[in-house]
Amino acid sequence: MPFVKKIHINYKDSESGQIFNLPGLFTEKGLIVSHLRYLAWFNAKSESWKERSVFSLKLLIEYITAVPNYEKIAELLKSFTEALIAGTIDYSRIDDPLDLYWKPRKNRDANNILFHITHYTDFLALQDGYSSSRFNPFRKASSYEERLNWCAYYHKQSNVFLNHLTSIQKAKHEAQRVRIIGNFSENKFDNEKVIRFPEDQIERLIFLGFQKKDIPDYKAQAITMLMNYGGLRKSEVFHIYVSDITQNPNHPDEALVRVFHPEIGVSPDPHYKIRAEYLLAETNYKPRNTYRLSERYYAGWKTPLLTSNKGYFEVIFCPPEKAKEFLITWVNYLKFQRVEPHGIDFNPYAFTNSKGKPETVKNFQRLHKRAVEKIGLVCKKEYGTTEHGHRHAYGYRVRRFGLDQIEIQKAMHHKSPTSCLVYIKPTNEDVRNKMKETE
């Protein structure tokens, strides 16, 4: 019986001898080896990128298995793109002849899936065995590897993922779904809702929300300060080592916080060159961005703009005096609450849990949600009260301080000066007030 399951396996590259822990697809005919080779080739990509690639290919294989007329490859691939955007369910009969029961997807989601499949099939078309693996006709009895090579061939020859079929009206009549193929048009939304953390609530969150029995939770306070006053992404906080937070030599009453690349950043131990080497040699841990998404120690890395050839950028506090407050909170955390890792659990991370192990993103999310609700707010993204709302608050605040776009790019560590625009866009009320000022 046909099936396709996602598993995690150790894949050894035959040329380099390197071993990669990768997500893979296992079918009744075996592993999709070509996709493992593809993921190993692009191993520098994030774990979320790899997972999304596997998910996209899984959908394609499920569709190939479900459609009986394998000989018509071009039409099959085109109909696959239709099924992504329109779903496969016939709602007039509450049935699905393909037995997939896919719901309609948003255009953005469909485009992302098509991107991953296109990227993979382009890779297949460059391989040495690409031509010979198409010797047998594309039929149900052939292996998945052969079918995917045929998909790559037809995509390369005619860009089937990018072509358009018949009109929307005709397609609706024939298949009860919109037949728009390829790069679907995405609607643009300028959401008026404030998605930054409320400025008048941040002090209450830090000093009232993060308290238990009148005892401050210095760890949660420090993490929140780094996000709201330092502009760090939630994931970036969990890559910081204890040695990365020091007194500013030019201003001893302020903190100097450096965020190093989790893999290629300079090691705190001079016996090792980079952090990946240091972690693997001295601890039982590895760079946190290299864990699988499902593993508890995973923390993402968005490739921010690094400002030193040692592989780090410095946190710029806004308002500047918050660097002093953060230093006080950090010192209190070290003195009274941090659990030092020891023995085989040794790790260099700044924030640890009650057992001395690295603090996890998931646990901080739980603490943050509880603190938000404690001060009477609802923890929702559209209210700006989730963790990412702090970075939005930082971006909006630095703009209010008078920084121009290039300076904001520097403060928020973006590679492009246009990336900060989403954080600093004004509300309708801001625009009205600005107009009133010019009257």
Protein backbone atom coordinates (compact mmCIF):
# COMPACT_ATOMS: atom_id res chain seq x y z
CA MET A 1 0.00 0.00 0.00
CA PRO A 2 1.48 3.41 -0.97
CA PHE A 3 2.55 5.65 1.86
CA VAL A 4 4.97 8.47 2.61
CA LYS A 5 6.28 9.25 6.09
CA LYS A 6 8.67 11.86 7.39
CA ILE A 7 11.54 10.48 9.47
CA HIS A 8 14.90 11.74 10.75
CA ILE A 9 18.00 9.85 9.68
CA ASN A 10 21.79 10.19 9.61
CA TYR A 11 22.91 10.69 6.03
CA LYS A 12 26.57 10.22 5.12
CA ASP A 13 27.83 12.14 2.12
CA SER A 14 29.79 9.68 -0.04
CA GLU A 15 32.26 12.32 -1.26
CA SER A 16 33.04 14.36 1.85
CA GLY A 17 32.37 11.65 4.42
CA GLN A 18 30.35 14.12 6.51
CA ILE A 19 27.34 12.84 8.42
CA PHE A 20 24.20 14.99 8.47
CA ASN A 21 21.14 14.51 10.64
CA LEU A 22 18.34 15.32 8.21
CA PRO A 23 14.58 15.01 7.87
CA GLY A 24 13.76 12.55 5.12
CA LEU A 25 10.84 10.89 3.35
CA PHE A 26 10.31 7.15 3.59
CA THR A 27 7.92 5.42 1.19
CA GLU A 28 6.87 1.84 0.51
CA LYS A 29 9.68 1.80 -2.09
CA GLY A 30 12.32 3.13 0.30
CA LEU A 31 13.95 6.47 1.06
CA ILE A 32 13.91 9.43 -1.31
CA VAL A 33 17.70 9.54 -1.46
CA SER A 34 17.91 12.35 -3.99
CA HIS A 35 16.15 14.69 -1.57
CA LEU A 36 18.52 13.73 1.24
CA ARG A 37 21.40 14.55 -1.09
CA TYR A 38 19.70 17.84 -1.87
CA LEU A 39 19.27 18.76 1.82
CA ALA A 40 22.89 17.81 2.55
CA TRP A 41 24.03 20.07 -0.29
CA PHE A 42 22.07 22.94 1.24
CA ASN A 43 22.89 22.00 4.83
CA ALA A 44 23.69 25.62 5.71
CA LYS A 45 20.00 26.44 5.35
CA SER A 46 17.93 26.69 8.54
CA GLU A 47 16.14 23.74 10.09
CA SER A 48 12.78 25.36 9.33
CA TRP A 49 13.77 25.64 5.64
CA LYS A 50 14.64 21.94 5.52
CA GLU A 51 11.41 20.96 7.26
CA ARG A 52 9.40 23.06 4.83
CA SER A 53 11.18 21.47 1.88
CA VAL A 54 10.34 17.99 3.17
CA PHE A 55 6.72 19.00 3.77
CA SER A 56 6.39 20.40 0.23
CA LEU A 57 7.85 17.29 -1.40
CA LYS A 58 5.63 15.08 0.75
CA LEU A 59 2.59 16.87 -0.67
CA LEU A 60 3.80 16.32 -4.23
CA ILE A 61 4.42 12.59 -3.64
CA GLU A 62 1.02 12.19 -2.00
CA TYR A 63 -0.57 13.84 -5.02
CA ILE A 64 1.37 11.71 -7.52
CA THR A 65 0.24 8.61 -5.64
CA ALA A 66 -3.38 9.74 -5.57
CA VAL A 67 -3.72 10.60 -9.28
CA PRO A 68 -4.07 7.51 -11.50
CA ASN A 69 -2.99 8.94 -14.91
CA TYR A 70 0.74 9.15 -14.38
CA GLU A 71 1.56 9.28 -18.08
CA LYS A 72 0.26 12.85 -18.41
CA ILE A 73 3.04 14.40 -16.37
CA ALA A 74 2.66 18.02 -17.42
CA GLU A 75 -1.06 18.01 -16.69
CA LEU A 76 -0.46 16.21 -13.41
CA LEU A 77 2.00 18.86 -12.23
CA LYS A 78 -0.30 21.65 -13.30
CA SER A 79 -3.25 20.08 -11.53
CA PHE A 80 -1.07 19.71 -8.43
CA THR A 81 -0.54 23.46 -8.33
CA GLU A 82 -4.29 23.94 -8.69
CA ALA A 83 -4.97 21.57 -5.83
CA LEU A 84 -2.68 23.60 -3.57
CA ILE A 85 -4.61 26.82 -3.98
CA ALA A 86 -8.12 25.40 -4.32
CA GLY A 87 -7.97 22.20 -2.30
CA THR A 88 -9.20 18.78 -3.40
CA ILE A 89 -12.53 18.60 -1.58
CA ASP A 90 -15.76 18.67 -3.59
CA TYR A 91 -17.92 20.59 -1.14
CA SER A 92 -21.08 20.03 -3.19
CA ARG A 93 -20.84 16.31 -2.35
CA ILE A 94 -18.68 16.60 0.78
CA ASP A 95 -16.28 14.17 -0.80
CA ASP A 96 -12.76 13.98 -2.20
CA PRO A 97 -12.21 11.58 -5.12
CA LEU A 98 -8.45 11.69 -4.47
CA ASP A 99 -8.87 10.91 -0.77
CA LEU A 100 -6.44 13.70 0.14
CA TYR A 101 -8.91 16.13 1.72
CA TRP A 102 -6.70 19.16 1.22
CA LYS A 103 -8.26 22.44 2.21
CA PRO A 104 -7.65 25.56 0.09
CA ARG A 105 -4.37 27.27 0.91
CA LYS A 106 -3.54 30.93 1.00
CA ASN A 107 -1.65 32.16 -2.05
CA ARG A 108 1.43 32.90 0.02
CA ASP A 109 1.50 29.37 1.40
CA ALA A 110 1.02 27.82 -2.04
CA ASN A 111 3.79 29.99 -3.49
CA ASN A 112 6.14 28.87 -0.73
CA ILE A 113 5.41 25.19 -1.42
CA LEU A 114 5.96 25.68 -5.16
CA PHE A 115 9.21 27.49 -4.48
CA HIS A 116 10.59 24.54 -2.51
CA ILE A 117 9.53 22.00 -5.13
CA THR A 118 10.93 24.14 -7.95
CA HIS A 119 14.21 24.58 -6.08
CA TYR A 120 14.47 20.82 -5.58
CA THR A 121 13.58 19.88 -9.18
CA ASP A 122 16.11 22.43 -10.45
CA PHE A 123 18.70 20.64 -8.30
CA LEU A 124 17.67 17.26 -9.74
CA ALA A 125 18.08 18.56 -13.28
CA LEU A 126 21.74 19.36 -12.56
CA GLN A 127 22.66 15.88 -11.35
CA ASP A 128 24.79 13.46 -13.39
CA GLY A 129 22.18 10.69 -13.45
CA TYR A 130 19.36 13.01 -14.41
CA SER A 131 19.07 11.93 -18.07
CA SER A 132 19.60 8.19 -17.61
CA SER A 133 17.06 7.99 -14.77
CA ARG A 134 14.35 9.02 -17.25
CA PHE A 135 14.88 6.00 -19.48
CA ASN A 136 11.75 4.21 -18.23
CA PRO A 137 8.35 5.78 -18.90
CA PHE A 138 6.61 7.65 -16.10
CA ARG A 139 4.05 5.19 -14.81
CA LYS A 140 2.62 3.99 -11.54
CA ALA A 141 5.00 1.02 -11.32
CA SER A 142 8.14 3.16 -11.53
CA SER A 143 10.01 4.29 -8.42
CA TYR A 144 9.44 7.66 -6.81
CA GLU A 145 12.97 8.68 -7.73
CA GLU A 146 12.18 8.11 -11.41
CA ARG A 147 8.90 9.96 -11.14
CA LEU A 148 10.58 12.93 -9.49
CA ASN A 149 13.22 13.01 -12.22
CA TRP A 150 10.42 13.13 -14.77
CA CYS A 151 8.88 16.00 -12.81
CA ALA A 152 12.22 17.79 -12.95
CA TYR A 153 12.46 17.16 -16.69
CA TYR A 154 9.02 18.54 -17.49
CA HIS A 155 9.49 21.51 -15.21
CA LYS A 156 12.81 22.33 -16.86
CA GLN A 157 11.41 21.94 -20.38
CA SER A 158 8.19 23.89 -20.01
CA ASN A 159 8.14 25.54 -16.57
CA VAL A 160 4.91 23.71 -15.78
CA PHE A 161 4.74 25.21 -12.31
CA LEU A 162 4.66 28.67 -13.87
CA ASN A 163 2.23 28.13 -16.77
CA HIS A 164 -1.44 29.05 -16.76
CA LEU A 165 -4.23 26.74 -17.79
CA THR A 166 -7.77 27.62 -18.80
CA SER A 167 -9.83 30.51 -17.49
CA ILE A 168 -10.97 30.67 -13.91
CA GLN A 169 -14.63 30.27 -14.91
CA LYS A 170 -14.00 27.18 -17.03
CA ALA A 171 -11.84 25.61 -14.38
CA LYS A 172 -14.44 26.19 -11.69
CA HIS A 173 -16.99 24.48 -13.87
CA GLU A 174 -14.76 21.51 -14.67
CA ALA A 175 -13.09 20.86 -11.35
CA GLN A 176 -14.99 22.95 -8.80
CA ARG A 177 -11.82 24.80 -8.01
CA VAL A 178 -9.93 27.83 -9.26
CA ARG A 179 -7.31 26.88 -11.82
CA ILE A 180 -4.64 29.51 -11.40
CA ILE A 181 -1.23 27.94 -11.75
CA GLY A 182 2.19 28.89 -10.51
CA ASN A 183 3.08 32.09 -8.76
CA PHE A 184 -0.31 33.12 -7.43
CA SER A 185 -1.06 36.77 -6.84
CA GLU A 186 -0.91 37.70 -3.17
CA ASN A 187 -3.06 40.40 -1.61
CA LYS A 188 -1.24 43.16 0.24
CA PHE A 189 -2.41 44.16 3.69
CA ASP A 190 -1.37 47.17 5.70
CA ASN A 191 -2.61 46.04 9.08
CA GLU A 192 -3.72 48.98 11.17
CA LYS A 193 -3.70 46.99 14.39
CA VAL A 194 -0.80 47.80 16.68
CA ILE A 195 1.48 44.76 16.81
CA ARG A 196 4.12 46.28 19.09
CA PHE A 197 4.06 45.76 22.82
CA PRO A 198 2.15 48.62 24.51
CA GLU A 199 4.68 51.24 25.60
CA ASP A 200 2.73 52.10 28.74
CA GLN A 201 2.71 48.46 29.88
CA ILE A 202 6.33 47.37 29.51
CA GLU A 203 7.43 48.54 32.96
CA ARG A 204 4.45 46.78 34.54
CA LEU A 205 5.29 43.58 32.67
CA ILE A 206 8.93 43.59 33.77
CA PHE A 207 8.51 44.60 37.40
CA LEU A 208 5.01 43.27 38.22
CA GLY A 209 4.40 40.46 35.73
CA PHE A 210 7.71 38.69 36.30
CA GLN A 211 7.31 38.25 40.03
CA LYS A 212 6.45 35.24 42.12
CA LYS A 213 5.57 35.75 45.78
CA ASP A 214 7.10 39.24 45.63
CA ILE A 215 10.41 37.82 44.38
CA PRO A 216 11.53 39.18 41.01
CA ASP A 217 12.28 36.72 38.23
CA TYR A 218 15.53 38.37 37.16
CA LYS A 219 16.07 35.94 34.29
CA ALA A 220 12.75 36.68 32.61
CA GLN A 221 13.22 40.39 33.29
CA ALA A 222 16.66 40.39 31.65
CA ILE A 223 15.44 38.46 28.60
CA THR A 224 12.51 40.84 28.15
CA MET A 225 14.78 43.87 28.48
CA LEU A 226 17.04 42.52 25.76
CA MET A 227 14.04 42.20 23.44
CA ASN A 228 12.16 45.40 24.27
CA TYR A 229 15.02 47.79 25.05
CA GLY A 230 17.70 46.01 22.98
CA GLY A 231 15.63 44.98 19.96
CA LEU A 232 16.77 41.35 19.97
CA ARG A 233 14.70 38.65 18.38
CA LYS A 234 13.45 36.07 20.82
CA SER A 235 15.64 33.36 19.33
CA GLU A 236 18.81 35.48 19.46
CA VAL A 237 18.67 35.74 23.24
CA PHE A 238 19.17 32.01 23.64
CA HIS A 239 22.48 31.99 21.76
CA ILE A 240 24.15 34.41 24.22
CA TYR A 241 26.93 33.08 26.48
CA VAL A 242 27.69 34.37 29.98
CA SER A 243 30.95 35.79 28.63
CA ASP A 244 29.04 37.83 26.04
CA ILE A 245 27.61 40.16 28.70
CA THR A 246 30.17 42.44 30.33
CA GLN A 247 30.61 45.95 31.65
CA ASN A 248 31.04 48.56 28.96
CA PRO A 249 34.70 49.66 29.24
CA ASN A 250 33.74 53.21 28.22
CA HIS A 251 30.75 53.36 30.57
CA PRO A 252 31.33 50.95 33.50
CA ASP A 253 27.80 51.39 34.86
CA GLU A 254 26.32 50.10 31.58
CA ALA A 255 26.14 46.61 30.10
CA LEU A 256 27.90 45.65 26.90
CA VAL A 257 26.03 42.80 25.21
CA ARG A 258 27.38 41.03 22.15
CA VAL A 259 25.43 38.46 20.16
CA PHE A 260 27.70 36.03 18.31
CA HIS A 261 26.86 33.82 15.39
CA PRO A 262 26.06 30.47 17.06
CA GLU A 263 28.42 28.53 14.80
CA ILE A 264 31.13 30.74 13.32
CA GLY A 265 31.37 33.31 16.11
CA VAL A 266 34.75 33.46 17.84
CA SER A 267 35.09 30.94 20.66
CA PRO A 268 35.35 32.25 24.25
CA ASP A 269 38.13 29.70 24.76
CA PRO A 270 41.29 30.63 22.81
CA HIS A 271 42.05 26.94 22.29
CA TYR A 272 39.26 26.82 19.72
CA LYS A 273 38.58 29.06 16.76
CA ILE A 274 34.79 29.05 16.48
CA ARG A 275 31.86 28.34 18.77
CA ALA A 276 30.70 25.22 16.99
CA GLU A 277 34.11 23.63 17.62
CA TYR A 278 34.14 24.84 21.24
CA LEU A 279 30.70 23.42 22.05
CA LEU A 280 31.39 20.04 20.47
CA ALA A 281 34.76 19.72 22.24
CA GLU A 282 33.91 21.03 25.70
CA THR A 283 30.20 20.30 26.19
CA ASN A 284 27.48 17.81 25.34
CA TYR A 285 25.71 20.51 23.35
CA LYS A 286 25.94 21.87 19.83
CA PRO A 287 24.99 25.24 18.29
CA ARG A 288 21.34 25.70 19.06
CA ASN A 289 20.36 26.59 15.50
CA THR A 290 21.53 23.14 14.37
CA TYR A 291 19.06 21.19 16.51
CA ARG A 292 15.88 19.97 14.84
CA LEU A 293 12.80 22.16 15.18
CA SER A 294 11.18 19.53 17.38
CA GLU A 295 14.10 19.37 19.83
CA ARG A 296 13.86 21.38 23.02
CA TYR A 297 17.19 23.21 22.69
CA TYR A 298 16.48 24.53 19.20
CA ALA A 299 16.73 28.30 18.74
CA GLY A 300 16.50 29.90 15.31
CA TRP A 301 18.99 32.26 13.69
CA LYS A 302 17.79 34.90 11.20
CA THR A 303 21.25 35.81 9.83
CA PRO A 304 21.37 39.37 11.19
CA LEU A 305 23.92 41.94 10.08
CA LEU A 306 27.14 41.19 11.96
CA THR A 307 29.33 44.21 12.73
CA SER A 308 32.59 42.51 13.66
CA ASN A 309 34.85 40.06 11.82
CA LYS A 310 34.77 38.06 15.04
CA GLY A 311 31.21 37.16 14.15
CA TYR A 312 29.03 39.31 16.42
CA PHE A 313 26.91 42.44 16.67
CA GLU A 314 26.43 44.64 19.74
CA VAL A 315 23.10 45.41 21.36
CA ILE A 316 22.17 49.10 21.23
CA PHE A 317 19.81 49.92 24.08
CA CYS A 318 16.95 52.38 23.56
CA PRO A 319 16.51 54.45 25.65
CA PRO A 320 20.29 54.39 26.32
CA GLU A 321 19.85 54.50 30.09
CA LYS A 322 18.26 51.04 29.94
CA ALA A 323 21.79 49.64 29.54
CA LYS A 324 22.30 50.58 33.19
CA GLU A 325 19.05 48.97 34.32
CA PHE A 326 19.84 45.82 32.40
CA LEU A 327 23.28 45.55 34.01
CA ILE A 328 21.71 45.74 37.49
CA THR A 329 19.15 43.05 36.58
CA TRP A 330 21.85 40.85 35.03
CA VAL A 331 24.06 41.09 38.12
CA ASN A 332 21.11 40.23 40.37
CA TYR A 333 20.36 37.21 38.22
CA LEU A 334 23.97 35.99 38.42
CA LYS A 335 24.17 36.55 42.19
CA PHE A 336 20.82 35.22 43.32
CA GLN A 337 19.10 33.03 40.76
CA ARG A 338 21.29 31.57 38.04
CA VAL A 339 21.89 27.84 38.47
CA GLU A 340 25.46 27.10 37.44
CA PRO A 341 25.84 24.09 35.14
CA HIS A 342 28.38 21.56 36.27
CA GLY A 343 29.88 18.22 35.32
CA ILE A 344 28.56 16.68 32.13
CA ASP A 345 25.83 19.36 31.97
CA PHE A 346 28.34 22.18 31.62
CA ASN A 347 27.28 24.78 29.08
CA PRO A 348 28.27 28.43 28.50
CA TYR A 349 24.78 29.83 27.95
CA ALA A 350 23.73 32.98 29.79
CA PHE A 351 20.29 31.76 30.79
CA THR A 352 19.82 28.39 32.46
CA ASN A 353 16.87 26.56 33.99
CA SER A 354 16.49 25.26 37.54
CA LYS A 355 18.79 22.31 36.74
CA GLY A 356 21.56 24.34 35.15
CA LYS A 357 20.65 23.26 31.62
CA PRO A 358 20.17 25.87 28.85
CA GLU A 359 16.85 27.68 29.17
CA THR A 360 14.46 26.87 26.32
CA VAL A 361 12.46 29.16 24.06
CA LYS A 362 9.28 27.25 24.84
CA ASN A 363 9.65 27.68 28.59
CA PHE A 364 10.25 31.42 28.27
CA GLN A 365 7.16 31.71 26.08
CA ARG A 366 5.18 30.11 28.87
CA LEU A 367 6.63 32.49 31.47
CA HIS A 368 6.01 35.50 29.24
CA LYS A 369 2.39 34.54 28.57
CA ARG A 370 1.73 34.08 32.27
CA ALA A 371 3.31 37.47 33.08
CA VAL A 372 1.27 39.23 30.37
CA GLU A 373 -1.95 37.77 31.74
CA LYS A 374 -0.91 38.62 35.28
CA ILE A 375 -0.95 42.37 34.50
CA GLY A 376 -4.38 42.07 32.88
CA LEU A 377 -3.47 41.82 29.18
CA VAL A 378 -4.37 39.20 26.59
CA CYS A 379 -1.37 37.45 25.05
CA LYS A 380 -2.05 37.62 21.31
CA LYS A 381 0.04 38.56 18.29
CA GLU A 382 -2.51 41.06 16.99
CA TYR A 383 -2.28 42.95 20.29
CA GLY A 384 1.51 43.02 20.22
CA THR A 385 1.67 41.18 23.53
CA THR A 386 3.62 38.13 22.37
CA GLU A 387 7.42 38.05 22.54
CA HIS A 388 7.91 39.45 19.03
CA GLY A 389 5.89 42.53 19.96
CA HIS A 390 8.94 43.73 21.90
CA ARG A 391 11.10 43.99 18.78
CA HIS A 392 8.33 45.96 17.09
CA ALA A 393 8.20 48.27 20.12
CA TYR A 394 11.95 48.78 19.87
CA GLY A 395 11.83 49.62 16.17
CA TYR A 396 9.02 52.12 16.66
CA ARG A 397 10.81 53.69 19.63
CA VAL A 398 14.13 54.23 17.87
CA ARG A 399 12.24 55.98 15.08
CA ARG A 400 10.60 58.25 17.66
CA PHE A 401 14.09 59.04 18.94
CA GLY A 402 14.83 60.60 15.56
CA LEU A 403 17.01 57.91 13.93
CA ASP A 404 16.91 57.78 10.14
CA GLN A 405 16.41 54.60 8.13
CA ILE A 406 20.10 53.70 7.86
CA GLU A 407 20.60 54.26 11.59
CA ILE A 408 17.58 52.09 12.36
CA GLN A 409 19.02 49.38 10.11
CA LYS A 410 22.18 49.51 12.22
CA ALA A 411 20.29 49.43 15.51
CA MET A 412 18.11 46.49 14.44
CA HIS A 413 20.95 44.61 12.67
CA HIS A 414 19.19 44.25 9.34
CA LYS A 415 21.12 43.43 6.17
CA SER A 416 18.85 45.68 4.10
CA PRO A 417 17.77 49.23 5.04
CA THR A 418 14.25 48.41 3.84
CA SER A 419 13.77 45.54 6.31
CA CYS A 420 13.05 47.92 9.18
CA LEU A 421 10.06 49.55 7.46
CA VAL A 422 7.60 47.00 8.85
CA TYR A 423 8.69 47.93 12.38
CA ILE A 424 8.46 51.70 12.02
CA LYS A 425 5.37 52.27 9.90
CA PRO A 426 2.99 54.81 11.45
CA THR A 427 -0.60 54.15 12.43
CA ASN A 428 -3.50 56.13 10.97
CA GLU A 429 -3.52 58.16 14.19
CA ASP A 430 0.17 58.98 13.78
CA VAL A 431 -0.50 60.27 10.27
CA ARG A 432 -3.44 62.39 11.45
CA ASN A 433 -1.39 63.92 14.26
CA LYS A 434 1.42 64.71 11.84
CA MET A 435 -1.01 66.51 9.55
CA LYS A 436 -2.40 68.50 12.46
CA GLU A 437 1.12 69.61 13.39
CA THR A 438 1.61 71.13 9.94
CA GLU A 439 -1.66 73.08 9.96
